[in-house]
Amino acid sequence: MACSVSDSPSLKDLPKVATDLKSQLEAFNPSCLRDVDTNEKIVLPSAEDVATEKTQKSLFDGIEKFDSSMLKHTETQEKNPLPDKDVVAAEKAHQNLLEGVEHFDKTQMKHTTTEEKNSLPPVEAIEAEKEKNKFLNGIENFDPTKLKHTETCEKNPLPTKDIIEQEKTA
């Protein structure tokens, strides 16, 4: 496409720039800028992402192009979830037992007296056992430090030699 001079806008048709901005743009020094390395980052999908996308696409294509005329007709079989006669009879028997217990007539029962049997030993046996336990505790807990010190004095009841000789002569 060639540009003709008649197609270009005239100077008065161009937008006007403020004088202070124009002077700043004319005085701009590009050497004041810092050098920067631009790193162009292109994020590409991984092989795993591409594979999952392909499987999804093939799945959707399969669903869209599915031919339902290839399906076989089947009859729906309804199963009876109701219990059979034996279960119903057992449940009724259980219910009758519960009602019998709940509505039991207590007035038809005979009066009974409860006889309590005492399986405890007699008082004399308990007292004898207490005495025996007290005696055993006394022996087991005996404190020999409370004894008084005594000295033993030996007495010899044997006759002396003189008495033996007198008895021999007699």
C-alpha atoms as a PDB file:
ATOM      1  CA  MET A   1       0.000   0.000   0.000  1.00  0.00           C
ATOM      2  CA  ALA A   2       1.360   3.279  -0.975  1.00  0.00           C
ATOM      3  CA  CYS A   3       0.811   6.273   1.153  1.00  0.00           C
ATOM      4  CA  SER A   4      -0.134   9.434  -0.637  1.00  0.00           C
ATOM      5  CA  VAL A   5       0.617  12.900   0.628  1.00  0.00           C
ATOM      6  CA  SER A   6      -3.005  13.816   0.543  1.00  0.00           C
ATOM      7  CA  ASP A   7      -3.806  11.013   3.037  1.00  0.00           C
ATOM      8  CA  SER A   8      -1.362  12.254   5.696  1.00  0.00           C
ATOM      9  CA  PRO A   9      -2.825  14.574   8.320  1.00  0.00           C
ATOM     10  CA  SER A  10      -1.889  18.203   8.367  1.00  0.00           C
ATOM     11  CA  LEU A  11       0.104  19.772  11.206  1.00  0.00           C
ATOM     12  CA  LYS A  12      -2.866  21.499  12.705  1.00  0.00           C
ATOM     13  CA  ASP A  13      -4.816  18.174  12.820  1.00  0.00           C
ATOM     14  CA  LEU A  14      -2.140  16.431  14.939  1.00  0.00           C
ATOM     15  CA  PRO A  15      -2.651  16.370  18.731  1.00  0.00           C
ATOM     16  CA  LYS A  16      -0.854  19.060  20.693  1.00  0.00           C
ATOM     17  CA  VAL A  17       1.742  18.105  23.367  1.00  0.00           C
ATOM     18  CA  ALA A  18       2.256  20.300  26.435  1.00  0.00           C
ATOM     19  CA  THR A  19       5.402  22.432  26.229  1.00  0.00           C
ATOM     20  CA  ASP A  20       6.938  21.229  29.523  1.00  0.00           C
ATOM     21  CA  LEU A  21       6.440  17.585  28.511  1.00  0.00           C
ATOM     22  CA  LYS A  22       7.834  18.346  25.057  1.00  0.00           C
ATOM     23  CA  SER A  23      10.941  19.910  26.549  1.00  0.00           C
ATOM     24  CA  GLN A  24      11.436  16.907  28.856  1.00  0.00           C
ATOM     25  CA  LEU A  25      11.117  14.504  25.928  1.00  0.00           C
ATOM     26  CA  GLU A  26      13.623  16.483  23.839  1.00  0.00           C
ATOM     27  CA  ALA A  27      16.100  16.610  26.774  1.00  0.00           C
ATOM     28  CA  PHE A  28      15.811  12.854  27.483  1.00  0.00           C
ATOM     29  CA  ASN A  29      19.164  11.098  27.631  1.00  0.00           C
ATOM     30  CA  PRO A  30      18.915   7.300  27.078  1.00  0.00           C
ATOM     31  CA  SER A  31      22.386   6.748  28.584  1.00  0.00           C
ATOM     32  CA  CYS A  32      20.868   7.325  32.047  1.00  0.00           C
ATOM     33  CA  LEU A  33      18.864   4.116  31.763  1.00  0.00           C
ATOM     34  CA  ARG A  34      20.102   0.898  33.339  1.00  0.00           C
ATOM     35  CA  ASP A  35      20.815  -2.127  31.221  1.00  0.00           C
ATOM     36  CA  VAL A  36      18.272  -4.845  31.835  1.00  0.00           C
ATOM     37  CA  ASP A  37      18.182  -8.305  30.396  1.00  0.00           C
ATOM     38  CA  THR A  38      14.716  -9.214  29.347  1.00  0.00           C
ATOM     39  CA  ASN A  39      13.798 -12.815  29.933  1.00  0.00           C
ATOM     40  CA  GLU A  40      10.947 -13.950  27.837  1.00  0.00           C
ATOM     41  CA  LYS A  41       9.031 -16.607  29.710  1.00  0.00           C
ATOM     42  CA  ILE A  42       6.915 -18.932  27.685  1.00  0.00           C
ATOM     43  CA  VAL A  43       5.052 -21.408  29.825  1.00  0.00           C
ATOM     44  CA  LEU A  44       4.397 -24.508  27.819  1.00  0.00           C
ATOM     45  CA  PRO A  45       2.261 -27.331  29.142  1.00  0.00           C
ATOM     46  CA  SER A  46       4.071 -30.417  30.316  1.00  0.00           C
ATOM     47  CA  ALA A  47       3.812 -33.738  28.490  1.00  0.00           C
ATOM     48  CA  GLU A  48       1.539 -34.974  31.284  1.00  0.00           C
ATOM     49  CA  ASP A  49      -0.831 -32.015  30.799  1.00  0.00           C
ATOM     50  CA  VAL A  50      -0.917 -32.600  27.053  1.00  0.00           C
ATOM     51  CA  ALA A  51      -1.647 -36.316  27.572  1.00  0.00           C
ATOM     52  CA  THR A  52      -4.522 -35.649  30.003  1.00  0.00           C
ATOM     53  CA  GLU A  53      -5.965 -33.057  27.653  1.00  0.00           C
ATOM     54  CA  LYS A  54      -5.814 -35.522  24.755  1.00  0.00           C
ATOM     55  CA  THR A  55      -7.589 -38.229  26.789  1.00  0.00           C
ATOM     56  CA  GLN A  56     -10.280 -35.766  27.847  1.00  0.00           C
ATOM     57  CA  LYS A  57     -10.753 -34.609  24.271  1.00  0.00           C
ATOM     58  CA  SER A  58     -11.012 -38.184  22.994  1.00  0.00           C
ATOM     59  CA  LEU A  59     -13.499 -38.989  25.781  1.00  0.00           C
ATOM     60  CA  PHE A  60     -15.671 -35.993  24.865  1.00  0.00           C
ATOM     61  CA  ASP A  61     -15.457 -36.883  21.166  1.00  0.00           C
ATOM     62  CA  GLY A  62     -16.534 -40.437  21.987  1.00  0.00           C
ATOM     63  CA  ILE A  63     -19.520 -39.157  23.968  1.00  0.00           C
ATOM     64  CA  GLU A  64     -20.564 -36.738  21.220  1.00  0.00           C
ATOM     65  CA  LYS A  65     -20.300 -39.346  18.454  1.00  0.00           C
ATOM     66  CA  PHE A  66     -21.914 -42.183  20.464  1.00  0.00           C
ATOM     67  CA  ASP A  67     -24.463 -44.153  18.494  1.00  0.00           C
ATOM     68  CA  SER A  68     -27.301 -45.215  20.803  1.00  0.00           C
ATOM     69  CA  SER A  69     -28.835 -47.414  18.104  1.00  0.00           C
ATOM     70  CA  MET A  70     -26.080 -49.981  18.747  1.00  0.00           C
ATOM     71  CA  LEU A  71     -27.366 -50.636  22.282  1.00  0.00           C
ATOM     72  CA  LYS A  72     -29.376 -53.761  23.043  1.00  0.00           C
ATOM     73  CA  HIS A  73     -32.784 -53.489  24.615  1.00  0.00           C
ATOM     74  CA  THR A  74     -33.090 -54.970  28.125  1.00  0.00           C
ATOM     75  CA  GLU A  75     -36.030 -55.453  30.403  1.00  0.00           C
ATOM     76  CA  THR A  76     -35.835 -54.015  33.888  1.00  0.00           C
ATOM     77  CA  GLN A  77     -36.418 -56.569  36.605  1.00  0.00           C
ATOM     78  CA  GLU A  78     -37.930 -55.171  39.754  1.00  0.00           C
ATOM     79  CA  LYS A  79     -37.038 -57.058  42.885  1.00  0.00           C
ATOM     80  CA  ASN A  80     -39.446 -57.131  45.781  1.00  0.00           C
ATOM     81  CA  PRO A  81     -37.733 -55.657  48.846  1.00  0.00           C
ATOM     82  CA  LEU A  82     -40.617 -56.763  51.084  1.00  0.00           C
ATOM     83  CA  PRO A  83     -39.915 -59.452  53.699  1.00  0.00           C
ATOM     84  CA  ASP A  84     -41.219 -62.990  53.218  1.00  0.00           C
ATOM     85  CA  LYS A  85     -43.850 -64.777  55.362  1.00  0.00           C
ATOM     86  CA  ASP A  86     -41.352 -66.255  57.825  1.00  0.00           C
ATOM     87  CA  VAL A  87     -39.798 -62.874  58.645  1.00  0.00           C
ATOM     88  CA  VAL A  88     -43.229 -61.280  59.121  1.00  0.00           C
ATOM     89  CA  ALA A  89     -44.343 -64.150  61.410  1.00  0.00           C
ATOM     90  CA  ALA A  90     -41.183 -63.891  63.530  1.00  0.00           C
ATOM     91  CA  GLU A  91     -41.616 -60.128  63.847  1.00  0.00           C
ATOM     92  CA  LYS A  92     -45.257 -60.539  64.918  1.00  0.00           C
ATOM     93  CA  ALA A  93     -44.296 -63.119  67.560  1.00  0.00           C
ATOM     94  CA  HIS A  94     -41.629 -60.772  68.913  1.00  0.00           C
ATOM     95  CA  GLN A  95     -44.102 -57.868  68.968  1.00  0.00           C
ATOM     96  CA  ASN A  96     -46.672 -60.015  70.843  1.00  0.00           C
ATOM     97  CA  LEU A  97     -44.067 -60.944  73.460  1.00  0.00           C
ATOM     98  CA  LEU A  98     -43.193 -57.301  74.013  1.00  0.00           C
ATOM     99  CA  GLU A  99     -46.854 -56.312  74.362  1.00  0.00           C
ATOM    100  CA  GLY A 100     -47.421 -59.203  76.798  1.00  0.00           C
ATOM    101  CA  VAL A 101     -44.613 -57.981  79.017  1.00  0.00           C
ATOM    102  CA  GLU A 102     -45.722 -54.346  78.845  1.00  0.00           C
ATOM    103  CA  HIS A 103     -49.395 -55.039  79.646  1.00  0.00           C
ATOM    104  CA  PHE A 104     -48.891 -57.799  82.239  1.00  0.00           C
ATOM    105  CA  ASP A 105     -51.625 -57.910  84.946  1.00  0.00           C
ATOM    106  CA  LYS A 106     -49.858 -57.983  88.318  1.00  0.00           C
ATOM    107  CA  THR A 107     -53.088 -58.403  90.297  1.00  0.00           C
ATOM    108  CA  GLN A 108     -53.345 -62.088  89.325  1.00  0.00           C
ATOM    109  CA  MET A 109     -50.028 -62.928  90.976  1.00  0.00           C
ATOM    110  CA  LYS A 110     -49.871 -64.744  94.360  1.00  0.00           C
ATOM    111  CA  HIS A 111     -48.305 -63.021  97.320  1.00  0.00           C
ATOM    112  CA  THR A 112     -45.031 -64.516  98.528  1.00  0.00           C
ATOM    113  CA  THR A 113     -42.769 -63.777 101.438  1.00  0.00           C
ATOM    114  CA  THR A 114     -39.070 -63.646 100.959  1.00  0.00           C
ATOM    115  CA  GLU A 115     -37.014 -65.651 103.416  1.00  0.00           C
ATOM    116  CA  GLU A 116     -33.569 -64.213 103.873  1.00  0.00           C
ATOM    117  CA  LYS A 117     -30.853 -66.668 104.733  1.00  0.00           C
ATOM    118  CA  ASN A 118     -27.903 -65.377 106.689  1.00  0.00           C
ATOM    119  CA  SER A 119     -24.709 -67.001 105.507  1.00  0.00           C
ATOM    120  CA  LEU A 120     -22.552 -65.121 108.019  1.00  0.00           C
ATOM    121  CA  PRO A 121     -20.684 -67.066 110.746  1.00  0.00           C
ATOM    122  CA  PRO A 122     -21.925 -66.812 114.362  1.00  0.00           C
ATOM    123  CA  VAL A 123     -20.721 -64.011 116.640  1.00  0.00           C
ATOM    124  CA  GLU A 124     -18.561 -66.408 118.744  1.00  0.00           C
ATOM    125  CA  ALA A 125     -16.588 -67.511 115.654  1.00  0.00           C
ATOM    126  CA  ILE A 126     -16.005 -63.886 114.653  1.00  0.00           C
ATOM    127  CA  GLU A 127     -14.745 -63.014 118.156  1.00  0.00           C
ATOM    128  CA  ALA A 128     -12.414 -66.050 118.207  1.00  0.00           C
ATOM    129  CA  GLU A 129     -10.963 -65.071 114.851  1.00  0.00           C
ATOM    130  CA  LYS A 130     -10.439 -61.474 116.049  1.00  0.00           C
ATOM    131  CA  GLU A 131      -8.541 -62.766 119.112  1.00  0.00           C
ATOM    132  CA  LYS A 132      -6.388 -65.023 116.932  1.00  0.00           C
ATOM    133  CA  ASN A 133      -5.608 -62.115 114.546  1.00  0.00           C
ATOM    134  CA  LYS A 134      -4.740 -59.847 117.497  1.00  0.00           C
ATOM    135  CA  PHE A 135      -2.394 -62.535 118.895  1.00  0.00           C
ATOM    136  CA  LEU A 136      -0.670 -63.022 115.508  1.00  0.00           C
ATOM    137  CA  ASN A 137      -0.305 -59.237 115.012  1.00  0.00           C
ATOM    138  CA  GLY A 138       1.294 -59.028 118.459  1.00  0.00           C
ATOM    139  CA  ILE A 139       3.870 -61.647 117.500  1.00  0.00           C
ATOM    140  CA  GLU A 140       4.542 -60.192 114.045  1.00  0.00           C
ATOM    141  CA  ASN A 141       4.857 -56.608 115.272  1.00  0.00           C
ATOM    142  CA  PHE A 142       6.922 -57.402 118.398  1.00  0.00           C
ATOM    143  CA  ASP A 143       9.523 -54.684 119.094  1.00  0.00           C
ATOM    144  CA  PRO A 144      12.558 -56.138 120.950  1.00  0.00           C
ATOM    145  CA  THR A 145      13.914 -52.630 121.648  1.00  0.00           C
ATOM    146  CA  LYS A 146      11.250 -52.149 124.313  1.00  0.00           C
ATOM    147  CA  LEU A 147      12.660 -55.010 126.454  1.00  0.00           C
ATOM    148  CA  LYS A 148      14.584 -54.185 129.668  1.00  0.00           C
ATOM    149  CA  HIS A 149      18.132 -55.392 130.056  1.00  0.00           C
ATOM    150  CA  THR A 150      18.634 -58.126 132.638  1.00  0.00           C
ATOM    151  CA  GLU A 151      21.674 -59.965 133.912  1.00  0.00           C
ATOM    152  CA  THR A 152      21.607 -63.687 134.301  1.00  0.00           C
ATOM    153  CA  CYS A 153      22.915 -65.072 137.556  1.00  0.00           C
ATOM    154  CA  GLU A 154      23.815 -68.784 137.433  1.00  0.00           C
ATOM    155  CA  LYS A 155      23.099 -70.836 140.499  1.00  0.00           C
ATOM    156  CA  ASN A 156      24.817 -74.186 140.726  1.00  0.00           C
ATOM    157  CA  PRO A 157      22.698 -76.649 142.724  1.00  0.00           C
ATOM    158  CA  LEU A 158      25.443 -79.318 142.499  1.00  0.00           C
ATOM    159  CA  PRO A 159      27.044 -80.382 145.772  1.00  0.00           C
ATOM    160  CA  THR A 160      30.596 -79.357 146.502  1.00  0.00           C
ATOM    161  CA  LYS A 161      33.489 -81.869 146.926  1.00  0.00           C
ATOM    162  CA  ASP A 162      33.281 -81.786 150.693  1.00  0.00           C
ATOM    163  CA  ILE A 163      29.613 -82.706 150.693  1.00  0.00           C
ATOM    164  CA  ILE A 164      30.273 -85.560 148.263  1.00  0.00           C
ATOM    165  CA  GLU A 165      33.059 -86.994 150.503  1.00  0.00           C
ATOM    166  CA  GLN A 166      30.884 -86.765 153.594  1.00  0.00           C
ATOM    167  CA  GLU A 167      28.149 -88.643 151.815  1.00  0.00           C
ATOM    168  CA  LYS A 168      30.657 -91.333 150.727  1.00  0.00           C
ATOM    169  CA  THR A 169      31.852 -91.880 154.262  1.00  0.00           C
ATOM    170  CA  ALA A 170      28.463 -92.018 155.706  1.00  0.00           C
END
